[in-house]
C-alpha atoms as a PDB file:
ATOM      1  CA  MET A   1       6.707 -13.304   3.102  1.00  0.00           C
ATOM      2  CA  SER A   2       5.124 -11.129   0.662  1.00  0.00           C
ATOM      3  CA  LEU A   3       6.813  -8.957  -2.252  1.00  0.00           C
ATOM      4  CA  ARG A   4       7.708  -5.311  -1.078  1.00  0.00           C
ATOM      5  CA  ALA A   5       7.357  -2.491  -3.652  1.00  0.00           C
ATOM      6  CA  ILE A   6       7.669   1.249  -3.590  1.00  0.00           C
ATOM      7  CA  VAL A   7       5.656   3.184  -5.979  1.00  0.00           C
ATOM      8  CA  ALA A   8       7.220   6.598  -6.403  1.00  0.00           C
ATOM      9  CA  GLY A   9       5.115   9.587  -7.996  1.00  0.00           C
ATOM     10  CA  PRO A  10       1.600   9.994  -8.905  1.00  0.00           C
ATOM     11  CA  ASP A  11      -0.248   6.814  -9.510  1.00  0.00           C
ATOM     12  CA  GLU A  12      -2.995   7.660 -12.177  1.00  0.00           C
ATOM     13  CA  ASP A  13      -2.716   4.555 -13.908  1.00  0.00           C
ATOM     14  CA  GLY A  14      -3.180   2.418 -10.886  1.00  0.00           C
ATOM     15  CA  ILE A  15      -0.016   0.489 -10.825  1.00  0.00           C
ATOM     16  CA  GLY A  16      -0.006   0.321  -7.101  1.00  0.00           C
ATOM     17  CA  ASP A  17      -3.646  -1.005  -6.608  1.00  0.00           C
ATOM     18  CA  ALA A  18      -2.724  -3.757  -9.286  1.00  0.00           C
ATOM     19  CA  LEU A  19       0.447  -4.811  -7.219  1.00  0.00           C
ATOM     20  CA  GLU A  20      -1.727  -4.849  -4.137  1.00  0.00           C
ATOM     21  CA  ALA A  21      -4.317  -7.062  -5.677  1.00  0.00           C
ATOM     22  CA  GLU A  22      -1.346  -9.433  -6.500  1.00  0.00           C
ATOM     23  CA  GLY A  23      -0.444  -9.344  -2.848  1.00  0.00           C
ATOM     24  CA  VAL A  24       2.336  -7.058  -2.905  1.00  0.00           C
ATOM     25  CA  ASP A  25       2.859  -4.905   0.126  1.00  0.00           C
ATOM     26  CA  VAL A  26       3.080  -1.557  -1.423  1.00  0.00           C
ATOM     27  CA  ALA A  27       4.713   1.814  -0.001  1.00  0.00           C
ATOM     28  CA  ARG A  28       3.619   4.948  -1.817  1.00  0.00           C
ATOM     29  CA  ILE A  29       5.617   8.018  -2.028  1.00  0.00           C
ATOM     30  CA  GLY A  30       5.189  11.249  -3.608  1.00  0.00           C
ATOM     31  CA  GLY A  31       6.483  14.783  -3.837  1.00  0.00           C
ATOM     32  CA  VAL A  32      10.000  15.803  -4.235  1.00  0.00           C
ATOM     33  CA  LEU A  33      12.013  12.316  -3.859  1.00  0.00           C
ATOM     34  CA  SER A  34      15.134  12.172  -1.902  1.00  0.00           C
ATOM     35  CA  ARG A  35      17.586   9.711  -0.369  1.00  0.00           C
ATOM     36  CA  PRO A  36      15.731  10.110   3.272  1.00  0.00           C
ATOM     37  CA  THR A  37      12.310   9.932   1.535  1.00  0.00           C
ATOM     38  CA  LEU A  38      13.311   6.484  -0.056  1.00  0.00           C
ATOM     39  CA  GLU A  39      14.903   5.207   3.098  1.00  0.00           C
ATOM     40  CA  GLU A  40      11.715   6.093   4.996  1.00  0.00           C
ATOM     41  CA  ALA A  41       9.686   4.326   2.582  1.00  0.00           C
ATOM     42  CA  GLY A  42      11.646   1.081   2.948  1.00  0.00           C
ATOM     43  CA  VAL A  43      13.923   0.863  -0.028  1.00  0.00           C
ATOM     44  CA  LEU A  44      16.670  -0.949   1.922  1.00  0.00           C
ATOM     45  CA  GLU A  45      13.992  -3.980   2.228  1.00  0.00           C
ATOM     46  CA  ALA A  46      12.118  -3.570  -0.935  1.00  0.00           C
ATOM     47  CA  GLU A  47      12.280  -5.896  -3.970  1.00  0.00           C
ATOM     48  CA  LEU A  48      10.681  -3.446  -6.432  1.00  0.00           C
ATOM     49  CA  TYR A  49      10.782   0.144  -7.283  1.00  0.00           C
ATOM     50  CA  VAL A  50       8.323   1.445  -9.548  1.00  0.00           C
ATOM     51  CA  LEU A  51       8.764   5.028 -10.735  1.00  0.00           C
ATOM     52  CA  THR A  52       5.807   6.733 -12.369  1.00  0.00           C
ATOM     53  CA  ASP A  53       7.202  10.313 -12.324  1.00  0.00           C
ATOM     54  CA  ILE A  54       9.910  10.221 -14.952  1.00  0.00           C
ATOM     55  CA  ASP A  55      11.101  13.647 -13.963  1.00  0.00           C
ATOM     56  CA  GLN A  56      12.229  12.069 -10.977  1.00  0.00           C
ATOM     57  CA  ALA A  57      14.514   9.596 -12.760  1.00  0.00           C
ATOM     58  CA  THR A  58      17.504  10.647 -10.915  1.00  0.00           C
ATOM     59  CA  THR A  59      16.109   8.401  -8.122  1.00  0.00           C
ATOM     60  CA  ILE A  60      16.937   5.259 -10.092  1.00  0.00           C
ATOM     61  CA  PRO A  61      20.758   5.384  -9.323  1.00  0.00           C
ATOM     62  CA  ILE A  62      19.982   6.350  -5.770  1.00  0.00           C
ATOM     63  CA  VAL A  63      17.568   3.317  -5.439  1.00  0.00           C
ATOM     64  CA  CYS A  64      20.206   0.984  -6.935  1.00  0.00           C
ATOM     65  CA  ASP A  65      23.191   2.386  -4.826  1.00  0.00           C
ATOM     66  CA  LEU A  66      21.138   1.728  -1.640  1.00  0.00           C
ATOM     67  CA  ASN A  67      19.741  -1.799  -2.659  1.00  0.00           C
ATOM     68  CA  GLU A  68      21.719  -3.650  -5.347  1.00  0.00           C
ATOM     69  CA  ASP A  69      19.205  -6.413  -5.495  1.00  0.00           C
ATOM     70  CA  ILE A  70      16.108  -4.200  -6.097  1.00  0.00           C
ATOM     71  CA  ARG A  71      14.194  -4.295  -9.583  1.00  0.00           C
ATOM     72  CA  THR A  72      13.570  -1.083 -10.827  1.00  0.00           C
ATOM     73  CA  VAL A  73      10.714  -0.185 -13.158  1.00  0.00           C
ATOM     74  CA  ALA A  74       9.577   3.103 -15.131  1.00  0.00           C
ATOM     75  CA  TYR A  75       6.011   3.170 -15.602  1.00  0.00           C
ATOM     76  CA  GLY A  76       5.155   6.365 -17.282  1.00  0.00           C
ATOM     77  CA  GLU A  77       4.347   7.672 -20.780  1.00  0.00           C
ATOM     78  CA  ARG A  78       7.686   9.805 -21.158  1.00  0.00           C
ATOM     79  CA  THR A  79      10.942   8.391 -22.424  1.00  0.00           C
ATOM     80  CA  VAL A  80      13.413   7.655 -19.715  1.00  0.00           C
ATOM     81  CA  PRO A  81      16.696   9.660 -19.856  1.00  0.00           C
ATOM     82  CA  GLU A  82      19.616   7.699 -21.211  1.00  0.00           C
ATOM     83  CA  PHE A  83      21.801   8.191 -18.019  1.00  0.00           C
ATOM     84  CA  VAL A  84      19.255   6.014 -16.111  1.00  0.00           C
ATOM     85  CA  ARG A  85      18.707   3.149 -18.764  1.00  0.00           C
ATOM     86  CA  GLY A  86      21.852   1.131 -17.628  1.00  0.00           C
ATOM     87  CA  GLN A  87      20.129   0.726 -14.129  1.00  0.00           C
ATOM     88  CA  LEU A  88      16.513   0.409 -14.997  1.00  0.00           C
ATOM     89  CA  ASP A  89      15.191  -3.137 -15.302  1.00  0.00           C
ATOM     90  CA  LEU A  90      12.238  -2.451 -17.233  1.00  0.00           C
ATOM     91  CA  ALA A  91      10.325   0.685 -18.827  1.00  0.00           C
ATOM     92  CA  LEU A  92       6.805   0.432 -19.946  1.00  0.00           C
ATOM     93  CA  ASP A  93       4.209   2.764 -21.359  1.00  0.00           C
ATOM     94  CA  PRO A  94       0.788   2.623 -19.466  1.00  0.00           C
ATOM     95  CA  GLN A  95      -0.728   3.276 -22.772  1.00  0.00           C
ATOM     96  CA  LEU A  96       0.679   0.096 -24.237  1.00  0.00           C
ATOM     97  CA  MET A  97       0.333  -2.089 -20.905  1.00  0.00           C
ATOM     98  CA  ASP A  98      -2.225  -1.621 -18.393  1.00  0.00           C
ATOM     99  CA  ALA A  99      -1.352  -1.787 -14.719  1.00  0.00           C
ATOM    100  CA  THR A 100      -2.993  -5.234 -14.039  1.00  0.00           C
ATOM    101  CA  LEU A 101      -0.951  -6.959 -16.797  1.00  0.00           C
ATOM    102  CA  VAL A 102       2.336  -5.374 -15.694  1.00  0.00           C
ATOM    103  CA  ALA A 103       1.492  -6.244 -11.923  1.00  0.00           C
ATOM    104  CA  GLU A 104       1.028  -9.787 -12.870  1.00  0.00           C
ATOM    105  CA  GLU A 105       4.219  -9.859 -14.959  1.00  0.00           C
ATOM    106  CA  LEU A 106       6.208  -8.216 -12.060  1.00  0.00           C
ATOM    107  CA  VAL A 107       4.969 -10.723  -9.379  1.00  0.00           C
ATOM    108  CA  GLY A 108       4.824 -13.855 -11.672  1.00  0.00           C
END
């Protein structure tokens, strides 16, 4: 059984592709994210949620509410809002860690 992940937001830095290269089953969602959108993408079954659009950080508490075992990662250049940090497992800047290295660490 492979790891399942959701990549939410634009993926300009290629984290979705890097996760797929590591054998992860990736669902990609964009636009305005909502609870129904997250559920359709498979958040209830996913093990990993990677948010690339920090403007949509309010999805982190929703994701954690829907799936208490999911690991949450913010992968973007901007700072994550304070109210989300307690529910976030990891925050990384693509300028400091490239997608391939991040994917390897998340899977390994």
